[in-house]
Amino acid sequence: MDFTQLIKDMPKAELHLHIEGTLEPELMMALAERNGVSLPYKSVEEIRQAYEFSDLQSFLDIYYAGAAVLQTRQDFYDLTYAYLERAASDNVRHVEIFFDPQTHTDRGIAFEVLLDGIHDALQAGEEKLGITFRLILCFLRHLSADEAMATLDEALPYKDRLHAVGLDSSEVGHPPSKFTRVFDRALDAGLLTVAHAGEEGPPEYIHEALDLLQVRRIDHGVRCLEDEELVKRLVREQIPLTVCPLSNVKLRVFDTLQQHNLNELLQAGLCVTINSDDPAYFGGYIVENFQQTQKALGLSATQLQTLAQNAFKASFLPAEDIERHVDSVNKVFAAQRA
């Protein structure tokens, strides 16, 4: 079976994608020139060489530095639309995109500037590329809960454009419980919730995200296997895990892709999905994540079909749209087997 072509052909949903993490070196250089921003790199190649990380924090350092080139509504539009064009070429049909307003408002960019640019591009992508979307505002967990609440205050007047709130950035030492009040307020406002948990942080952080933040999905969650009762709960409640294999290797959660526990997660009956996280920094968009993981772990066609189905089932789309997308996945695999 030609897994390379099958992975390209199958319809996909991407549920764990940081839009700032799609900033390719070429666009970073172009925006720096456009906005008169001085970068500590002389060339695109120098930026690429800097994309070698020892852990989450070393990645975040360059991630935040790169974000400095994003200054205008057009910048955020260009960033988002460039990702959507790439996603369309990977046969992505639906995206649920994270954005980090604090990364930008803390350096003087108005909230509406970045939101307008991202949202306008998402709408254009739906009209021109046929990619539907949901937008998820993430709070930076290394900052205070008060700062997160202030960001939520800024965001709520625009909540008609937002679907959920999430939690990202440095996980260790910043448990979900730190943000209980913020998430309670978001829930009261009618927003759904998700959170990064169990990547570098312990399984206890997954418990907290479920119990205190009432999340619908766990972003990453690969350390859940360390807690048998947690696994049983995740299976019983079919809480999706938005797993990012190439990211996990790049940030040393696993030393190699062959050591990744995705197979074990699937075999345990968990609702696992594959996503690209910060693809410009981690060496692969969603097709590369699927292809390299399939090769490294020997994933079967049935497992690939399950992963593709899971992503739509785990999305925040209406039930009828989920059913339509799952049917389209099944048709591709049925044709491959015929």
Protein backbone atom coordinates (compact mmCIF):
# COMPACT_ATOMS: atom_id res chain seq x y z
CA MET A 1 0.00 0.00 0.00
CA ASP A 2 1.27 3.50 -0.89
CA PHE A 3 1.02 5.19 2.51
CA THR A 4 2.68 8.36 1.25
CA GLN A 5 -0.09 9.02 -1.27
CA LEU A 6 -2.84 7.78 1.03
CA ILE A 7 -1.81 10.27 3.71
CA LYS A 8 -1.79 13.09 1.17
CA ASP A 9 -5.21 12.10 -0.16
CA MET A 10 -7.11 11.59 3.09
CA PRO A 11 -9.19 14.55 4.33
CA LYS A 12 -7.78 16.04 7.52
CA ALA A 13 -8.68 18.27 10.43
CA GLU A 14 -5.94 20.02 12.38
CA LEU A 15 -6.78 20.78 16.01
CA HIS A 16 -3.42 21.74 17.52
CA LEU A 17 -1.80 24.52 15.54
CA HIS A 18 -0.27 27.73 16.91
CA ILE A 19 -0.57 30.31 14.17
CA GLU A 20 2.56 32.11 15.38
CA GLY A 21 4.34 28.78 15.03
CA THR A 22 3.77 28.79 11.27
CA LEU A 23 6.12 31.75 10.78
CA GLU A 24 8.52 30.43 8.18
CA PRO A 25 12.02 31.99 8.06
CA GLU A 26 11.33 33.52 4.63
CA LEU A 27 8.23 35.33 5.92
CA MET A 28 10.02 36.31 9.13
CA MET A 29 12.75 38.02 7.08
CA ALA A 30 10.22 39.67 4.75
CA LEU A 31 8.12 41.06 7.62
CA ALA A 32 11.23 42.24 9.46
CA GLU A 33 12.21 44.19 6.34
CA ARG A 34 8.66 45.49 5.85
CA ASN A 35 8.46 46.74 9.44
CA GLY A 36 12.05 47.81 10.01
CA VAL A 37 12.62 45.18 12.71
CA SER A 38 16.19 44.14 13.43
CA LEU A 39 16.64 40.38 13.75
CA PRO A 40 19.66 38.65 15.31
CA TYR A 41 20.00 36.61 12.08
CA LYS A 42 21.56 37.63 8.78
CA SER A 43 19.83 35.09 6.55
CA VAL A 44 17.03 32.58 6.22
CA GLU A 45 19.60 29.83 6.61
CA GLU A 46 20.82 31.31 9.89
CA ILE A 47 17.25 31.30 11.21
CA ARG A 48 16.83 27.66 10.20
CA GLN A 49 20.03 26.75 12.02
CA ALA A 50 18.64 28.40 15.15
CA TYR A 51 15.67 26.01 15.06
CA GLU A 52 17.48 23.43 17.18
CA PHE A 53 16.04 23.12 20.66
CA SER A 54 16.96 21.26 23.80
CA ASP A 55 13.58 21.68 25.49
CA LEU A 56 10.32 23.63 25.45
CA GLN A 57 11.84 26.78 26.93
CA SER A 58 14.67 27.01 24.40
CA PHE A 59 12.04 26.82 21.65
CA LEU A 60 9.85 29.44 23.30
CA ASP A 61 12.77 31.88 23.46
CA ILE A 62 13.15 32.00 19.67
CA TYR A 63 9.39 31.72 19.15
CA TYR A 64 8.77 34.95 21.06
CA ALA A 65 11.71 36.69 19.37
CA GLY A 66 10.35 35.80 15.93
CA ALA A 67 6.90 37.09 16.82
CA ALA A 68 8.36 40.60 17.08
CA VAL A 69 8.12 40.97 13.28
CA LEU A 70 4.31 40.70 13.48
CA GLN A 71 3.07 44.26 13.86
CA THR A 72 0.18 45.14 11.56
CA ARG A 73 -3.17 43.68 10.62
CA GLN A 74 -1.68 42.79 7.24
CA ASP A 75 1.18 40.92 8.91
CA PHE A 76 -1.22 38.70 10.84
CA TYR A 77 -3.33 38.22 7.71
CA ASP A 78 -0.30 37.19 5.65
CA LEU A 79 0.90 34.79 8.34
CA THR A 80 -2.48 33.10 8.65
CA TYR A 81 -3.25 32.90 4.95
CA ALA A 82 0.18 31.42 4.20
CA TYR A 83 -0.60 28.61 6.66
CA LEU A 84 -4.03 28.05 5.12
CA GLU A 85 -2.59 27.73 1.62
CA ARG A 86 -0.16 25.12 2.91
CA ALA A 87 -2.98 23.35 4.77
CA ALA A 88 -5.10 23.29 1.59
CA SER A 89 -2.24 21.60 -0.27
CA ASP A 90 -2.22 18.96 2.51
CA ASN A 91 -5.97 18.36 2.03
CA VAL A 92 -6.87 19.89 5.39
CA ARG A 93 -10.59 20.58 5.42
CA HIS A 94 -10.99 22.09 8.91
CA VAL A 95 -8.62 23.90 11.30
CA GLU A 96 -8.94 24.95 14.92
CA ILE A 97 -6.22 27.53 15.36
CA PHE A 98 -4.55 28.77 18.54
CA PHE A 99 -3.35 32.35 18.85
CA ASP A 100 -1.47 33.99 21.73
CA PRO A 101 -2.64 37.58 22.13
CA GLN A 102 -0.35 38.25 25.12
CA THR A 103 2.69 37.62 22.91
CA HIS A 104 1.61 40.68 20.95
CA THR A 105 -0.35 42.95 23.32
CA ASP A 106 2.58 42.89 25.77
CA ARG A 107 4.70 44.59 23.09
CA GLY A 108 2.08 47.22 22.27
CA ILE A 109 0.07 45.59 19.48
CA ALA A 110 -3.65 46.27 19.90
CA PHE A 111 -5.80 43.17 20.43
CA GLU A 112 -8.13 44.07 17.56
CA VAL A 113 -5.19 44.44 15.15
CA LEU A 114 -4.08 40.84 15.53
CA LEU A 115 -7.59 39.44 15.84
CA ASP A 116 -8.80 41.26 12.72
CA GLY A 117 -5.82 40.07 10.68
CA ILE A 118 -6.12 36.43 11.75
CA HIS A 119 -9.90 36.29 11.49
CA ASP A 120 -10.03 38.04 8.10
CA ALA A 121 -7.55 35.48 6.72
CA LEU A 122 -9.55 32.58 8.16
CA GLN A 123 -12.72 33.89 6.52
CA ALA A 124 -10.87 34.32 3.22
CA GLY A 125 -9.53 30.77 3.55
CA GLU A 126 -13.03 29.42 4.03
CA GLU A 127 -14.31 31.32 0.98
CA LYS A 128 -11.37 30.66 -1.36
CA LEU A 129 -9.88 27.39 -0.10
CA GLY A 130 -12.89 25.68 1.46
CA ILE A 131 -11.24 25.29 4.87
CA THR A 132 -13.63 25.81 7.78
CA PHE A 133 -12.25 27.07 11.08
CA ARG A 134 -12.61 27.68 14.78
CA LEU A 135 -10.44 30.22 16.62
CA ILE A 136 -9.04 29.46 20.09
CA LEU A 137 -7.50 32.16 22.27
CA CYS A 138 -4.66 30.79 24.40
CA PHE A 139 -3.37 32.23 27.66
CA LEU A 140 0.38 32.13 28.32
CA ARG A 141 0.71 30.05 31.46
CA HIS A 142 4.12 31.48 32.46
CA LEU A 143 2.37 34.82 33.01
CA SER A 144 0.01 35.47 35.91
CA ALA A 145 -3.64 34.56 36.18
CA ASP A 146 -4.42 38.26 36.60
CA GLU A 147 -2.77 38.97 33.25
CA ALA A 148 -4.80 36.16 31.69
CA MET A 149 -7.99 37.64 33.14
CA ALA A 150 -7.08 41.05 31.69
CA THR A 151 -6.63 39.40 28.28
CA LEU A 152 -10.02 37.72 28.62
CA ASP A 153 -11.53 41.14 29.45
CA GLU A 154 -10.06 42.45 26.19
CA ALA A 155 -11.33 39.45 24.25
CA LEU A 156 -14.92 39.17 25.44
CA PRO A 157 -16.24 42.08 23.31
CA TYR A 158 -15.12 39.97 20.32
CA LYS A 159 -16.37 36.61 21.61
CA ASP A 160 -18.57 36.12 18.53
CA ARG A 161 -15.31 35.43 16.62
CA LEU A 162 -13.91 33.08 19.29
CA HIS A 163 -14.94 29.52 19.98
CA ALA A 164 -12.78 28.47 22.91
CA VAL A 165 -9.93 29.42 25.19
CA GLY A 166 -6.81 27.37 25.79
CA LEU A 167 -3.62 27.28 27.83
CA ASP A 168 -0.10 27.05 26.40
CA SER A 169 3.55 28.08 26.89
CA SER A 170 5.88 26.75 29.62
CA GLU A 171 4.06 23.87 31.30
CA VAL A 172 6.30 22.81 34.18
CA GLY A 173 5.58 24.83 37.32
CA HIS A 174 2.40 26.34 35.91
CA PRO A 175 -0.43 23.88 36.65
CA PRO A 176 -3.90 24.34 35.16
CA SER A 177 -5.23 25.10 38.66
CA LYS A 178 -3.45 28.48 38.43
CA PHE A 179 -6.09 29.55 35.88
CA THR A 180 -9.31 28.17 37.37
CA ARG A 181 -10.96 31.58 37.82
CA VAL A 182 -10.08 32.67 34.30
CA PHE A 183 -11.52 29.52 32.75
CA ASP A 184 -14.64 29.74 34.94
CA ARG A 185 -15.27 33.20 33.52
CA ALA A 186 -14.67 32.02 29.95
CA LEU A 187 -17.10 29.14 30.46
CA ASP A 188 -19.70 31.53 31.90
CA ALA A 189 -19.29 33.63 28.74
CA GLY A 190 -20.17 30.59 26.62
CA LEU A 191 -16.67 29.69 25.40
CA LEU A 192 -15.41 26.11 25.31
CA THR A 193 -12.10 25.19 26.93
CA VAL A 194 -8.98 23.18 26.04
CA ALA A 195 -5.52 23.07 27.63
CA HIS A 196 -1.99 21.88 27.02
CA ALA A 197 -1.27 19.25 29.67
CA GLY A 198 0.86 16.13 30.09
CA GLU A 199 3.54 17.11 27.57
CA GLU A 200 6.41 18.04 29.88
CA GLY A 201 4.11 18.34 32.89
CA PRO A 202 2.87 15.35 34.93
CA PRO A 203 -0.40 13.42 34.53
CA GLU A 204 -1.77 15.41 37.48
CA TYR A 205 -1.94 18.43 35.18
CA ILE A 206 -4.32 16.46 32.93
CA HIS A 207 -6.54 15.70 35.93
CA GLU A 208 -6.57 19.39 36.83
CA ALA A 209 -7.40 20.47 33.27
CA LEU A 210 -10.36 18.08 33.22
CA ASP A 211 -11.64 18.73 36.74
CA LEU A 212 -10.93 22.44 37.20
CA LEU A 213 -10.88 23.89 33.68
CA GLN A 214 -13.59 21.55 32.31
CA VAL A 215 -11.68 21.09 29.07
CA ARG A 216 -13.16 19.30 26.06
CA ARG A 217 -9.73 18.28 24.75
CA ILE A 218 -6.24 17.74 26.11
CA ASP A 219 -3.51 19.23 23.95
CA HIS A 220 -0.58 16.78 23.88
CA GLY A 221 -1.43 14.49 26.84
CA VAL A 222 1.25 11.92 25.99
CA ARG A 223 2.21 11.41 29.64
CA CYS A 224 -1.26 10.11 30.50
CA LEU A 225 0.02 6.53 30.19
CA GLU A 226 1.86 7.01 33.49
CA ASP A 227 -1.52 7.03 35.30
CA GLU A 228 -3.69 3.95 34.74
CA GLU A 229 -6.82 5.48 36.27
CA LEU A 230 -6.42 8.57 34.12
CA VAL A 231 -6.18 6.45 30.98
CA LYS A 232 -9.39 4.64 31.95
CA ARG A 233 -11.12 7.97 32.41
CA LEU A 234 -9.89 9.41 29.13
CA VAL A 235 -11.08 6.28 27.32
CA ARG A 236 -14.41 6.20 29.13
CA GLU A 237 -15.15 9.87 28.42
CA GLN A 238 -13.43 9.79 25.01
CA ILE A 239 -11.52 12.97 25.78
CA PRO A 240 -9.46 13.70 22.64
CA LEU A 241 -5.69 14.08 22.77
CA THR A 242 -4.20 16.43 20.17
CA VAL A 243 -0.81 14.76 19.80
CA CYS A 244 2.06 16.42 17.89
CA PRO A 245 4.70 13.77 17.11
CA LEU A 246 7.42 15.84 15.40
CA SER A 247 7.07 18.52 18.06
CA ASN A 248 7.46 15.91 20.81
CA VAL A 249 10.75 14.76 19.30
CA LYS A 250 12.02 18.27 18.55
CA LEU A 251 11.40 19.30 22.18
CA ARG A 252 12.90 16.07 23.58
CA VAL A 253 9.69 14.67 25.05
CA PHE A 254 10.83 11.55 23.13
CA ASP A 255 14.39 11.11 21.90
CA THR A 256 13.29 9.60 18.59
CA LEU A 257 10.06 9.19 16.68
CA GLN A 258 10.47 5.41 16.98
CA GLN A 259 10.15 5.82 20.77
CA HIS A 260 6.90 7.81 20.56
CA ASN A 261 3.98 6.25 22.44
CA LEU A 262 1.32 6.98 19.80
CA ASN A 263 0.82 3.27 19.12
CA GLU A 264 0.26 2.62 22.83
CA LEU A 265 -2.19 5.49 23.04
CA LEU A 266 -4.18 4.07 20.14
CA GLN A 267 -4.07 0.53 21.52
CA ALA A 268 -5.38 1.80 24.86
CA GLY A 269 -8.52 3.05 23.10
CA LEU A 270 -7.77 6.74 23.46
CA CYS A 271 -9.15 9.28 20.99
CA VAL A 272 -5.80 10.31 19.50
CA THR A 273 -5.27 12.87 16.75
CA ILE A 274 -2.12 13.92 14.86
CA ASN A 275 -1.26 17.61 14.48
CA SER A 276 1.71 19.83 13.68
CA ASP A 277 1.83 22.27 16.65
CA ASP A 278 4.44 24.83 15.44
CA PRO A 279 5.34 23.41 12.03
CA ALA A 280 7.74 26.13 10.87
CA TYR A 281 9.90 25.42 13.91
CA PHE A 282 9.45 21.66 14.22
CA GLY A 283 10.22 20.50 10.71
CA GLY A 284 6.86 19.43 9.36
CA TYR A 285 3.24 20.29 8.67
CA ILE A 286 0.45 17.79 9.13
CA VAL A 287 1.29 15.54 6.16
CA GLU A 288 4.91 15.26 7.32
CA ASN A 289 3.73 14.43 10.84
CA PHE A 290 1.52 11.65 9.50
CA GLN A 291 4.08 10.31 7.01
CA GLN A 292 7.05 10.27 9.34
CA THR A 293 5.03 8.81 12.22
CA GLN A 294 3.55 6.11 10.00
CA LYS A 295 7.01 5.12 8.82
CA ALA A 296 8.63 5.25 12.28
CA LEU A 297 5.88 3.31 14.07
CA GLY A 298 4.58 1.13 11.24
CA LEU A 299 1.05 2.49 11.50
CA SER A 300 -1.50 0.48 9.54
CA ALA A 301 -4.09 1.82 7.12
CA THR A 302 -6.75 1.10 9.75
CA GLN A 303 -4.85 3.15 12.32
CA LEU A 304 -4.45 6.03 9.87
CA GLN A 305 -8.17 5.90 9.14
CA THR A 306 -8.93 6.01 12.86
CA LEU A 307 -6.61 8.98 13.37
CA ALA A 308 -8.23 10.89 10.50
CA GLN A 309 -11.73 10.09 11.78
CA ASN A 310 -10.79 11.04 15.33
CA ALA A 311 -9.70 14.53 14.30
CA PHE A 312 -13.10 15.35 12.86
CA LYS A 313 -14.93 13.69 15.75
CA ALA A 314 -12.82 15.68 18.22
CA SER A 315 -13.47 18.98 16.44
CA PHE A 316 -15.96 21.63 17.51
CA LEU A 317 -17.91 21.25 14.26
CA PRO A 318 -21.66 20.51 14.30
CA ALA A 319 -22.59 16.82 14.29
CA GLU A 320 -23.79 16.84 10.67
CA ASP A 321 -20.49 18.31 9.44
CA ILE A 322 -18.51 15.77 11.46
CA GLU A 323 -20.53 12.95 9.91
CA ARG A 324 -19.95 14.33 6.40
CA HIS A 325 -16.19 14.58 6.93
CA VAL A 326 -15.93 11.12 8.48
CA ASP A 327 -17.78 9.74 5.47
CA SER A 328 -15.28 11.44 3.16
CA VAL A 329 -12.40 9.85 5.10
CA ASN A 330 -14.00 6.44 4.83
CA LYS A 331 -14.49 6.80 1.07
CA VAL A 332 -10.79 7.49 0.53
CA PHE A 333 -9.79 4.38 2.50
CA ALA A 334 -12.45 2.23 0.85
CA ALA A 335 -11.15 3.29 -2.57
CA GLN A 336 -7.58 2.48 -1.50
CA ARG A 337 -8.59 -1.02 -0.43
CA ALA A 338 -10.69 -1.71 -3.54
